[in-house]
Protein backbone atom coordinates (compact mmCIF):
# COMPACT_ATOMS: atom_id res chain seq x y z
CA MET A 1 38.66 -110.02 -10.72
CA SER A 2 35.93 -107.41 -11.15
CA VAL A 3 35.89 -103.63 -10.87
CA PRO A 4 33.26 -102.32 -8.40
CA LEU A 5 31.55 -99.62 -10.41
CA ASP A 6 30.63 -97.38 -7.47
CA LEU A 7 34.28 -97.36 -6.41
CA ALA A 8 35.40 -96.68 -9.98
CA ARG A 9 33.09 -93.67 -10.08
CA THR A 10 34.57 -92.46 -6.81
CA LEU A 11 38.07 -92.63 -8.28
CA ALA A 12 36.95 -90.70 -11.37
CA THR A 13 35.45 -88.02 -9.12
CA VAL A 14 38.69 -87.72 -7.16
CA VAL A 15 40.60 -87.29 -10.42
CA ASP A 16 38.14 -84.66 -11.62
CA GLU A 17 38.32 -82.67 -8.40
CA GLY A 18 42.04 -83.04 -7.79
CA THR A 19 41.89 -83.78 -4.05
CA LEU A 20 40.07 -86.16 -1.73
CA ASP A 21 38.54 -83.23 0.17
CA ALA A 22 37.06 -81.70 -2.97
CA ALA A 23 35.76 -85.10 -4.12
CA ALA A 24 34.14 -85.61 -0.72
CA ARG A 25 32.27 -82.33 -1.05
CA ARG A 26 30.99 -83.30 -4.49
CA LEU A 27 29.96 -86.78 -3.32
CA HIS A 28 28.43 -85.46 -0.06
CA ILE A 29 30.50 -87.81 2.08
CA THR A 30 33.52 -87.33 4.33
CA PRO A 31 37.13 -87.34 3.08
CA SER A 32 37.66 -90.38 5.28
CA ALA A 33 34.87 -92.21 3.44
CA VAL A 34 36.46 -91.32 0.09
CA SER A 35 39.80 -92.66 1.31
CA GLN A 36 38.13 -95.87 2.50
CA ARG A 37 36.51 -96.37 -0.89
CA LEU A 38 39.85 -95.94 -2.65
CA ARG A 39 41.53 -98.42 -0.33
CA ALA A 40 38.70 -100.89 -0.95
CA LEU A 41 39.17 -100.46 -4.70
CA GLU A 42 42.90 -101.07 -4.43
CA ASP A 43 42.32 -104.11 -2.21
CA GLN A 44 39.83 -105.49 -4.74
CA LEU A 45 42.20 -104.98 -7.68
CA GLY A 46 45.42 -105.75 -5.88
CA ARG A 47 46.96 -102.63 -7.39
CA VAL A 48 47.61 -99.05 -6.39
CA VAL A 49 45.33 -96.77 -8.41
CA LEU A 50 46.11 -93.33 -7.00
CA VAL A 51 49.13 -91.34 -5.91
CA ARG A 52 47.86 -89.11 -3.12
CA SER A 53 49.69 -85.95 -4.15
CA LYS A 54 48.19 -82.48 -4.70
CA PRO A 55 46.70 -82.68 -7.21
CA VAL A 56 46.28 -86.46 -7.14
CA ARG A 57 47.77 -88.59 -9.90
CA THR A 58 46.53 -91.91 -11.19
CA THR A 59 48.76 -94.91 -11.77
CA PRO A 60 48.44 -96.88 -15.03
CA ALA A 61 45.94 -99.16 -13.25
CA GLY A 62 44.04 -96.07 -12.07
CA ASP A 63 43.97 -94.72 -15.64
CA ALA A 64 42.22 -97.89 -16.78
CA VAL A 65 39.64 -97.66 -13.98
CA VAL A 66 38.92 -93.97 -14.67
CA ARG A 67 38.51 -94.70 -18.37
CA LEU A 68 36.03 -97.50 -17.53
CA ALA A 69 34.05 -95.21 -15.21
CA ARG A 70 33.76 -92.48 -17.86
CA GLN A 71 32.80 -94.92 -20.59
CA LEU A 72 30.07 -96.44 -18.44
CA ALA A 73 28.73 -93.01 -17.51
CA LEU A 74 28.48 -92.07 -21.19
CA LEU A 75 26.81 -95.35 -22.16
CA GLU A 76 24.40 -95.03 -19.23
CA HIS A 77 23.42 -91.54 -20.35
CA ASP A 78 22.84 -92.73 -23.93
CA ALA A 79 20.74 -95.67 -22.72
CA LEU A 80 18.56 -93.51 -20.49
CA ALA A 81 18.09 -90.99 -23.28
CA ALA A 82 17.08 -93.76 -25.68
CA MET A 83 14.46 -94.93 -23.18
CA GLY A 84 13.24 -91.41 -22.53
CA ALA A 85 14.14 -91.89 -18.88
CA ASP A 86 16.97 -89.41 -18.48
CA ASP A 87 14.75 -86.86 -16.64
CA GLY A 88 16.66 -83.99 -18.21
CA ALA A 89 20.02 -85.21 -16.96
CA VAL A 90 22.92 -83.21 -18.38
CA ALA A 91 25.86 -85.20 -19.75
CA SER A 92 29.40 -83.95 -19.19
CA ILE A 93 31.84 -84.59 -22.05
CA PRO A 94 35.55 -83.99 -21.28
CA LEU A 95 37.56 -83.08 -24.37
CA ALA A 96 41.19 -82.11 -24.99
CA VAL A 97 42.17 -79.42 -27.50
CA ASN A 98 45.18 -77.30 -28.37
CA ALA A 99 45.04 -73.59 -27.58
CA ASP A 100 45.02 -72.25 -31.15
CA SER A 101 42.11 -74.49 -32.16
CA LEU A 102 40.23 -73.53 -29.01
CA ALA A 103 40.75 -69.84 -29.74
CA THR A 104 39.70 -70.02 -33.39
CA TRP A 105 37.45 -72.79 -34.73
CA PHE A 106 36.67 -75.38 -32.05
CA LEU A 107 33.86 -73.79 -30.02
CA PRO A 108 31.17 -73.26 -32.74
CA PRO A 109 30.65 -77.01 -33.36
CA LEU A 110 30.28 -77.59 -29.61
CA GLN A 111 27.74 -74.79 -29.42
CA ARG A 112 25.65 -76.45 -32.13
CA VAL A 113 25.60 -79.73 -30.18
CA ALA A 114 24.69 -77.91 -26.96
CA GLU A 115 21.71 -76.29 -28.71
CA ARG A 116 20.28 -79.73 -29.45
CA ARG A 117 21.42 -81.80 -26.46
CA PRO A 118 21.52 -81.44 -22.67
CA VAL A 119 25.32 -81.50 -22.50
CA VAL A 120 28.20 -79.55 -21.01
CA PHE A 121 31.82 -79.72 -22.10
CA ASP A 122 34.82 -79.97 -19.80
CA LEU A 123 37.67 -78.70 -21.97
CA HIS A 124 41.30 -79.53 -21.24
CA ARG A 125 43.80 -77.32 -23.08
CA ASP A 126 47.23 -78.70 -23.90
CA ASP A 127 49.76 -78.78 -26.70
CA GLN A 128 48.45 -80.93 -29.56
CA ASP A 129 51.46 -83.19 -29.13
CA PHE A 130 50.29 -84.08 -25.62
CA THR A 131 46.47 -84.20 -25.81
CA ALA A 132 46.54 -87.87 -26.84
CA GLY A 133 48.01 -88.66 -23.43
CA LEU A 134 44.81 -87.36 -21.82
CA LEU A 135 42.89 -89.92 -23.89
CA GLU A 136 45.19 -92.72 -22.78
CA SER A 137 44.74 -91.80 -19.12
CA GLY A 138 40.95 -91.64 -19.41
CA VAL A 139 40.80 -87.95 -18.48
CA VAL A 140 39.00 -87.10 -21.75
CA MET A 141 36.73 -88.94 -24.16
CA ALA A 142 38.10 -87.30 -27.33
CA ALA A 143 40.92 -84.99 -28.35
CA VAL A 144 42.27 -82.76 -31.08
CA THR A 145 45.79 -84.09 -31.49
CA SER A 146 48.75 -84.16 -33.85
CA ARG A 147 48.97 -87.94 -33.35
CA GLU A 148 47.68 -89.91 -36.31
CA ALA A 149 48.31 -93.39 -34.91
CA PRO A 150 45.22 -94.35 -32.90
CA VAL A 151 45.43 -94.43 -29.13
CA ALA A 152 44.46 -97.90 -27.87
CA GLY A 153 40.68 -98.21 -27.90
CA CYS A 154 40.19 -95.09 -30.03
CA ARG A 155 39.39 -94.24 -33.63
CA VAL A 156 40.87 -91.41 -35.69
CA SER A 157 39.57 -88.87 -38.20
CA ARG A 158 41.73 -86.36 -40.04
CA LEU A 159 40.78 -82.73 -39.43
CA GLY A 160 43.20 -80.83 -41.64
CA VAL A 161 46.14 -78.52 -41.15
CA LEU A 162 46.89 -75.28 -39.33
CA ARG A 163 49.56 -73.42 -41.23
CA TYR A 164 51.74 -70.97 -39.34
CA GLU A 165 53.67 -68.07 -40.84
CA ALA A 166 56.35 -65.96 -39.17
CA VAL A 167 55.03 -62.43 -38.73
CA ALA A 168 55.82 -59.28 -36.80
CA SER A 169 54.30 -55.86 -36.35
CA ALA A 170 55.37 -53.32 -38.94
CA GLY A 171 57.07 -51.23 -36.26
CA PHE A 172 58.94 -54.24 -34.87
CA ALA A 173 60.17 -55.15 -38.35
CA ARG A 174 61.44 -51.61 -38.97
CA ARG A 175 63.32 -51.61 -35.65
CA TRP A 176 64.85 -55.10 -35.68
CA PHE A 177 65.12 -55.90 -39.40
CA PRO A 178 66.08 -52.61 -41.08
CA ASP A 179 68.41 -54.41 -43.49
CA GLY A 180 66.23 -57.50 -43.96
CA VAL A 181 65.43 -60.68 -42.07
CA ASP A 182 68.79 -62.41 -41.91
CA ALA A 183 70.39 -64.79 -39.42
CA ALA A 184 72.30 -62.01 -37.66
CA ALA A 185 69.15 -59.98 -37.03
CA LEU A 186 67.14 -63.01 -35.98
CA ALA A 187 69.79 -63.93 -33.43
CA VAL A 188 69.03 -60.77 -31.41
CA ALA A 189 65.39 -59.95 -32.23
CA PRO A 190 62.98 -60.92 -29.41
CA VAL A 191 60.77 -63.94 -30.04
CA VAL A 192 57.33 -64.75 -28.58
CA ASP A 193 56.88 -68.40 -27.52
CA PHE A 194 53.64 -69.82 -26.19
CA ASP A 195 55.40 -71.72 -23.39
CA ARG A 196 58.55 -73.77 -22.88
CA ARG A 197 57.11 -76.65 -24.91
CA ASP A 198 56.31 -74.46 -27.92
CA ASP A 199 58.92 -75.31 -30.54
CA LEU A 200 57.40 -73.68 -33.63
CA GLN A 201 59.58 -70.60 -33.52
CA THR A 202 62.57 -72.85 -32.80
CA GLN A 203 61.81 -74.97 -35.88
CA TRP A 204 61.57 -71.86 -38.03
CA LEU A 205 64.82 -70.40 -36.66
CA SER A 206 66.65 -73.68 -37.18
CA ALA A 207 65.56 -73.71 -40.83
CA ARG A 208 67.08 -70.23 -41.16
CA GLY A 209 70.38 -71.33 -39.66
CA VAL A 210 69.95 -69.42 -36.39
CA PRO A 211 71.25 -71.01 -33.16
CA THR A 212 68.03 -71.45 -31.21
CA GLY A 213 69.49 -70.49 -27.85
CA GLU A 214 70.43 -66.99 -28.97
CA PRO A 215 67.26 -64.86 -29.36
CA PRO A 216 65.64 -63.50 -26.18
CA ARG A 217 62.20 -65.04 -25.67
CA HIS A 218 58.92 -63.82 -24.24
CA ARG A 219 56.48 -66.53 -23.13
CA VAL A 220 52.76 -65.76 -23.43
CA PRO A 221 50.71 -68.91 -22.64
CA ALA A 222 47.32 -67.96 -24.11
CA SER A 223 46.51 -68.06 -27.80
CA GLN A 224 44.79 -64.70 -28.19
CA ASP A 225 47.27 -62.99 -25.88
CA PHE A 226 50.12 -64.53 -27.90
CA ALA A 227 48.71 -62.97 -31.07
CA THR A 228 48.23 -59.65 -29.26
CA ALA A 229 51.84 -59.70 -28.04
CA VAL A 230 53.05 -60.10 -31.63
CA ALA A 231 50.69 -57.38 -32.88
CA LEU A 232 51.91 -54.99 -30.18
CA GLY A 233 55.53 -55.52 -31.20
CA LEU A 234 56.72 -57.40 -28.14
CA GLY A 235 58.42 -59.87 -30.46
CA TRP A 236 57.89 -61.83 -33.65
CA GLY A 237 56.11 -65.19 -33.74
CA LEU A 238 54.36 -67.75 -35.89
CA LEU A 239 50.61 -67.22 -36.20
CA PRO A 240 47.93 -69.25 -37.99
CA GLY A 241 46.03 -67.53 -40.76
CA PHE A 242 42.97 -67.17 -38.52
CA GLN A 243 44.91 -64.75 -36.34
CA SER A 244 47.16 -62.97 -38.83
CA ALA A 245 44.91 -62.34 -41.86
CA ALA A 246 43.38 -59.04 -40.72
CA GLY A 247 46.72 -57.59 -39.59
CA LEU A 248 48.45 -58.61 -42.79
CA ALA A 249 45.65 -57.11 -44.89
CA SER A 250 45.83 -53.80 -43.03
CA GLY A 251 49.62 -53.63 -43.01
CA ALA A 252 49.80 -53.74 -39.21
CA LEU A 253 51.61 -57.10 -39.54
CA VAL A 254 54.26 -58.11 -42.05
CA ARG A 255 55.54 -61.50 -43.10
CA LEU A 256 59.14 -62.35 -42.25
CA GLY A 257 59.45 -64.88 -45.06
CA GLY A 258 60.79 -68.39 -44.80
CA ASP A 259 58.78 -71.57 -45.14
CA PRO A 260 55.57 -71.85 -43.13
CA VAL A 261 55.36 -74.44 -40.38
CA ASP A 262 52.55 -76.95 -40.81
CA VAL A 263 51.14 -79.20 -38.10
CA PRO A 264 48.46 -81.81 -39.13
CA LEU A 265 45.53 -82.23 -36.74
CA PHE A 266 43.40 -85.30 -36.04
CA TRP A 267 40.33 -86.08 -33.97
CA GLN A 268 40.64 -89.15 -31.78
CA GLN A 269 37.75 -90.48 -29.70
CA TRP A 270 36.88 -93.55 -27.72
CA ASN A 271 35.74 -96.38 -29.96
CA LEU A 272 32.32 -96.66 -28.34
CA THR A 273 28.87 -96.80 -29.86
CA SER A 274 27.64 -93.55 -28.35
CA PRO A 275 25.15 -91.36 -30.23
CA LEU A 276 26.13 -88.33 -28.15
CA LEU A 277 29.89 -88.68 -28.65
CA ASP A 278 29.36 -89.46 -32.34
CA GLU A 279 27.27 -86.30 -32.70
CA VAL A 280 30.06 -84.25 -31.15
CA ALA A 281 32.57 -85.89 -33.50
CA GLU A 282 30.42 -85.22 -36.57
CA GLU A 283 30.24 -81.51 -35.77
CA VAL A 284 33.91 -81.13 -34.83
CA VAL A 285 35.30 -83.12 -37.76
CA GLY A 286 32.98 -81.34 -40.19
CA GLU A 287 34.03 -77.93 -38.89
CA GLY A 288 37.71 -78.83 -38.93
CA ARG A 289 37.58 -80.02 -42.51
CA ARG A 290 35.73 -76.84 -43.57
CA VAL A 291 38.07 -74.32 -41.97
CA LEU A 292 41.53 -75.91 -41.82
CA ALA A 293 43.88 -75.79 -44.76
CA SER A 294 43.89 -79.07 -46.64
CA GLY A 295 47.64 -79.43 -46.40
CA GLY A 296 48.64 -77.74 -43.15
CA VAL A 297 48.64 -78.23 -39.35
CA SER A 298 48.68 -76.74 -35.76
CA ARG A 299 50.93 -76.55 -32.78
CA ARG A 300 49.82 -75.08 -29.50
């Protein structure tokens, strides 16, 4: 059995674009031709590679094919660059990152690579507990993740820790915690969660003996907007030092006490010999180790 590379690239394009129609526009062919290519690929492999939903979803066999297509595209770009035959071609590097890292420390290292290399970055934002899944499916080439155990075919480097503290605006604290931050007050004070998968506030409440289903919850699914919601007094929440330091220094924010919540972060990337991907990793890992607390972690 062999994997026809042109058909593998077609599948990767369909996954990137989300629909057969959008992939057809990018490939400058008809949607019918895209569908025929996918059927030919499945006939060749004897396996279904794509669930034709909106957006499309790959099967485990499709994940493997997409991963192969992306790896070959990266190696081809490196080879052409080494030969001086890339004709200014711009490489696209898909990466996965959690929202708090993206909002605070992750972009400067990418900017330094982009100054030196003809490259663009396709960033996929997800909870750090789930970014490794994007590596496994072949959607991204590397990820910031809380998973230390290497994904199959990947290597791992430790970044450091994002440490979160429970904070609230001074006005919110005066209103909701006039007699101190105790379990009774926490059971009724509004909380800000990032989304329904964000369990940092829940972890902190559980450690304080508060039934987690009791407090009313706002959900603000963007890192900077989350911090703004806390600063405005919409509710209390856990913020990393990057986002709380100025407010705490000025007195606009106050600490609620309790133990901080630490989430360790790691960089996982495909285990390929790729000068471009290795250059990205060197910048990201170096930045992470400079700016993240040596004993902490992240969440969103």
